Amino acid sequence: MSKNKKDNKKSTGRTGAPAPFANPDGLPEFPFGDNRVAADELEKELENGDVLVALKSRFAEEKNQENLIALLKCMKDSKVIVPMRIEMSEEDAARIENATDGEEIETRDEIKMVPEILQAKEKRFFPMFSQIGQIPKEFGTSHNLMSMPTSEALDMAHQIENLDGIVLDAFSKSVAMPFVTADQIYTIQGLAK
């Protein structure tokens, strides 16, 4: 029996343990069931967002349950980028604007980081991005970009009133999800052991 396993590894052209998201065609695959991977290996595999982009694109092109589950599992284990803007009092903003180079400024009022909300056809969405490359340059330079686990971003979205859901990669093959779908991220089994 061990000989068959060895032969199977040779027939795929791989040596050692297979990468969790690669197949011979170079397309990401998503392991289901007991095929979970070590947390550190998974984090490294998901770090640059390529897997999340590929699974989002796959779902955008073919909306079916299998592709949705794969996307949600990946989102659960991934970090996303949330665009934030700074809110401060007019007085503090003027103080900062009129400061000279190198001058230390102390704000007097509260400064808040507020997530940006996008609107499309009278619907409001909380944007999340899979990687920097999915954010238009002009949008990225006008916002502070915060990286965080998807579940934290989803928690933040739930604190904002009158939202219709979230949108992943709003400017390129976007996938919008109502909260009833996105909230499955909290309960779905991830891929980390």
Protein backbone atom coordinates (compact mmCIF):
# COMPACT_ATOMS: atom_id res chain seq x y z
CA MET A 1 0.00 0.00 0.00
CA SER A 2 2.83 2.43 0.74
CA LYS A 3 4.18 1.66 -2.74
CA ASN A 4 0.93 2.96 -4.29
CA LYS A 5 1.16 6.16 -2.31
CA LYS A 6 4.72 6.61 -3.51
CA ASP A 7 3.66 5.94 -7.11
CA ASN A 8 0.80 8.44 -6.80
CA LYS A 9 3.19 11.15 -5.67
CA LYS A 10 5.45 10.42 -8.61
CA SER A 11 2.57 10.53 -11.09
CA THR A 12 1.62 14.07 -9.97
CA GLY A 13 5.17 15.30 -10.39
CA ARG A 14 5.37 16.47 -6.80
CA THR A 15 7.88 15.61 -4.15
CA GLY A 16 7.20 15.79 -0.45
CA ALA A 17 3.90 17.17 0.84
CA PRO A 18 1.74 18.83 -1.82
CA ALA A 19 1.03 22.54 -1.49
CA PRO A 20 -2.47 22.88 -0.02
CA PHE A 21 -3.84 25.10 -2.78
CA ALA A 22 -2.04 23.97 -5.94
CA ASN A 23 -2.99 21.48 -8.59
CA PRO A 24 -1.07 20.48 -11.73
CA ASP A 25 -2.81 23.23 -13.74
CA GLY A 26 -1.59 25.90 -11.31
CA LEU A 27 -5.15 26.74 -10.23
CA PRO A 28 -5.99 27.01 -6.55
CA GLU A 29 -7.88 24.14 -5.04
CA PHE A 30 -9.58 24.30 -1.73
CA PRO A 31 -9.17 21.32 0.58
CA PHE A 32 -12.37 20.13 2.21
CA GLY A 33 -13.08 17.68 5.00
CA ASP A 34 -10.04 16.47 6.91
CA ASN A 35 -7.52 17.99 4.51
CA ARG A 36 -6.79 20.90 6.84
CA VAL A 37 -3.27 22.28 7.04
CA ALA A 38 -1.05 23.58 9.82
CA ALA A 39 -1.89 27.16 10.83
CA ASP A 40 1.58 28.53 9.99
CA GLU A 41 1.58 26.84 6.56
CA LEU A 42 -1.93 28.16 5.87
CA GLU A 43 -1.01 31.70 6.92
CA LYS A 44 1.99 31.67 4.57
CA GLU A 45 -0.14 30.31 1.71
CA LEU A 46 -2.82 33.01 2.18
CA GLU A 47 -0.49 35.90 3.04
CA ASN A 48 -0.34 37.70 -0.32
CA GLY A 49 -4.07 37.35 -1.11
CA ASP A 50 -3.59 35.49 -4.40
CA VAL A 51 -5.66 32.51 -3.26
CA LEU A 52 -8.49 34.78 -2.07
CA VAL A 53 -8.46 36.66 -5.40
CA ALA A 54 -8.57 33.40 -7.37
CA LEU A 55 -11.44 31.96 -5.33
CA LYS A 56 -13.36 35.25 -5.51
CA SER A 57 -12.92 35.31 -9.30
CA ARG A 58 -14.00 31.69 -9.56
CA PHE A 59 -17.17 32.45 -7.58
CA ALA A 60 -17.85 35.64 -9.59
CA GLU A 61 -17.67 33.64 -12.81
CA GLU A 62 -19.67 30.63 -11.59
CA LYS A 63 -21.96 31.29 -8.65
CA ASN A 64 -22.59 27.91 -7.08
CA GLN A 65 -22.56 26.54 -3.55
CA GLU A 66 -19.18 24.80 -3.86
CA ASN A 67 -17.45 27.99 -5.02
CA LEU A 68 -19.20 30.03 -2.32
CA ILE A 69 -18.11 27.64 0.44
CA ALA A 70 -14.53 27.69 -0.84
CA LEU A 71 -14.58 31.51 -0.85
CA LEU A 72 -16.07 31.73 2.65
CA LYS A 73 -13.52 29.25 4.05
CA CYS A 74 -10.69 31.23 2.52
CA MET A 75 -12.11 34.50 3.84
CA LYS A 76 -12.36 32.99 7.33
CA ASP A 77 -8.63 32.23 7.35
CA SER A 78 -7.48 35.33 5.44
CA LYS A 79 -6.70 38.89 6.31
CA VAL A 80 -8.42 41.61 4.32
CA ILE A 81 -7.66 45.28 3.83
CA VAL A 82 -10.24 47.81 5.01
CA PRO A 83 -10.04 51.43 3.79
CA MET A 84 -10.37 53.88 6.66
CA ARG A 85 -10.56 57.66 6.79
CA ILE A 86 -9.58 59.91 9.63
CA GLU A 87 -12.26 62.02 11.27
CA MET A 88 -11.15 64.94 13.42
CA SER A 89 -12.45 68.30 14.49
CA GLU A 90 -12.03 71.26 12.14
CA GLU A 91 -9.81 72.95 14.73
CA ASP A 92 -7.40 70.01 14.90
CA ALA A 93 -7.37 69.71 11.10
CA ALA A 94 -6.52 73.42 10.77
CA ARG A 95 -3.81 73.07 13.43
CA ILE A 96 -2.19 70.22 11.50
CA GLU A 97 -2.54 71.97 8.14
CA ASN A 98 -0.87 75.15 9.45
CA ALA A 99 2.00 73.36 11.19
CA THR A 100 5.54 73.84 9.95
CA ASP A 101 7.81 70.92 9.04
CA GLY A 102 9.03 69.14 12.16
CA GLU A 103 6.60 70.95 14.50
CA GLU A 104 4.91 68.69 17.03
CA ILE A 105 1.15 69.10 17.12
CA GLU A 106 -1.07 67.93 19.91
CA THR A 107 -4.69 67.37 19.04
CA ARG A 108 -7.32 68.59 21.45
CA ASP A 109 -10.29 66.59 20.28
CA GLU A 110 -10.88 62.93 19.58
CA ILE A 111 -9.52 61.48 16.34
CA LYS A 112 -11.40 58.52 14.88
CA MET A 113 -10.56 56.00 12.20
CA VAL A 114 -13.83 55.38 10.34
CA PRO A 115 -14.30 52.66 7.72
CA GLU A 116 -15.25 53.89 4.26
CA ILE A 117 -18.70 52.84 3.03
CA LEU A 118 -19.43 52.37 -0.66
CA GLN A 119 -22.81 52.96 -2.23
CA ALA A 120 -24.15 51.31 -5.39
CA LYS A 121 -27.74 51.61 -6.63
CA GLU A 122 -29.12 52.76 -3.27
CA LYS A 123 -27.36 49.92 -1.43
CA ARG A 124 -24.56 50.48 1.05
CA PHE A 125 -21.64 48.07 1.41
CA PHE A 126 -18.68 47.68 3.72
CA PRO A 127 -15.64 47.22 1.45
CA MET A 128 -12.91 44.65 2.05
CA PHE A 129 -10.00 44.05 -0.28
CA SER A 130 -8.09 40.82 -0.76
CA GLN A 131 -4.80 42.57 -1.57
CA ILE A 132 -3.34 46.02 -2.30
CA GLY A 133 -3.38 45.30 -6.04
CA GLN A 134 -7.19 45.23 -5.97
CA ILE A 135 -7.38 48.84 -4.71
CA PRO A 136 -7.21 51.66 -7.29
CA LYS A 137 -4.18 53.86 -6.63
CA GLU A 138 -6.21 57.07 -6.17
CA PHE A 139 -8.54 55.33 -3.71
CA GLY A 140 -5.64 53.84 -1.76
CA THR A 141 -3.77 57.14 -1.42
CA SER A 142 -6.84 58.95 -0.06
CA HIS A 143 -7.46 56.36 2.67
CA ASN A 144 -5.58 54.62 5.44
CA LEU A 145 -5.48 50.93 4.64
CA MET A 146 -5.81 48.61 7.63
CA SER A 147 -5.06 44.89 7.39
CA MET A 148 -7.11 42.68 9.71
CA PRO A 149 -8.67 39.21 9.92
CA THR A 150 -11.91 39.00 7.96
CA SER A 151 -13.92 38.27 11.12
CA GLU A 152 -12.72 41.55 12.69
CA ALA A 153 -13.69 43.46 9.55
CA LEU A 154 -17.09 41.75 9.63
CA ASP A 155 -17.50 42.74 13.30
CA MET A 156 -16.75 46.34 12.30
CA ALA A 157 -19.32 46.18 9.49
CA HIS A 158 -22.00 45.00 11.91
CA GLN A 159 -21.51 48.12 14.02
CA ILE A 160 -22.52 50.40 11.14
CA GLU A 161 -26.21 51.08 10.68
CA ASN A 162 -28.13 50.65 7.43
CA LEU A 163 -25.64 48.49 5.58
CA ASP A 164 -26.80 45.95 3.03
CA GLY A 165 -23.71 43.76 3.42
CA ILE A 166 -20.06 43.58 2.47
CA VAL A 167 -18.26 43.77 -0.86
CA LEU A 168 -14.97 42.05 -1.61
CA ASP A 169 -12.70 43.85 -4.10
CA ALA A 170 -15.27 46.47 -5.06
CA PHE A 171 -13.35 47.73 -8.09
CA SER A 172 -12.35 44.44 -9.77
CA LYS A 173 -14.61 41.39 -10.19
CA SER A 174 -16.39 42.38 -7.02
CA VAL A 175 -18.42 39.98 -4.93
CA ALA A 176 -21.12 41.55 -2.77
CA MET A 177 -22.66 39.51 0.03
CA PRO A 178 -25.63 40.23 2.27
CA PHE A 179 -24.85 39.71 5.95
CA VAL A 180 -26.84 36.46 6.01
CA THR A 181 -24.21 35.01 3.65
CA ALA A 182 -21.12 36.78 4.99
CA ASP A 183 -21.95 35.79 8.58
CA GLN A 184 -21.27 32.16 7.69
CA ILE A 185 -17.61 33.15 8.07
CA TYR A 186 -18.15 33.06 11.84
CA THR A 187 -19.37 29.45 11.90
CA ILE A 188 -17.81 27.71 8.90
CA GLN A 189 -14.88 25.42 9.66
CA GLY A 190 -11.63 26.94 8.46
CA LEU A 191 -8.65 25.11 7.06
CA ALA A 192 -6.21 25.51 9.96
CA LYS A 193 -5.57 22.44 12.10
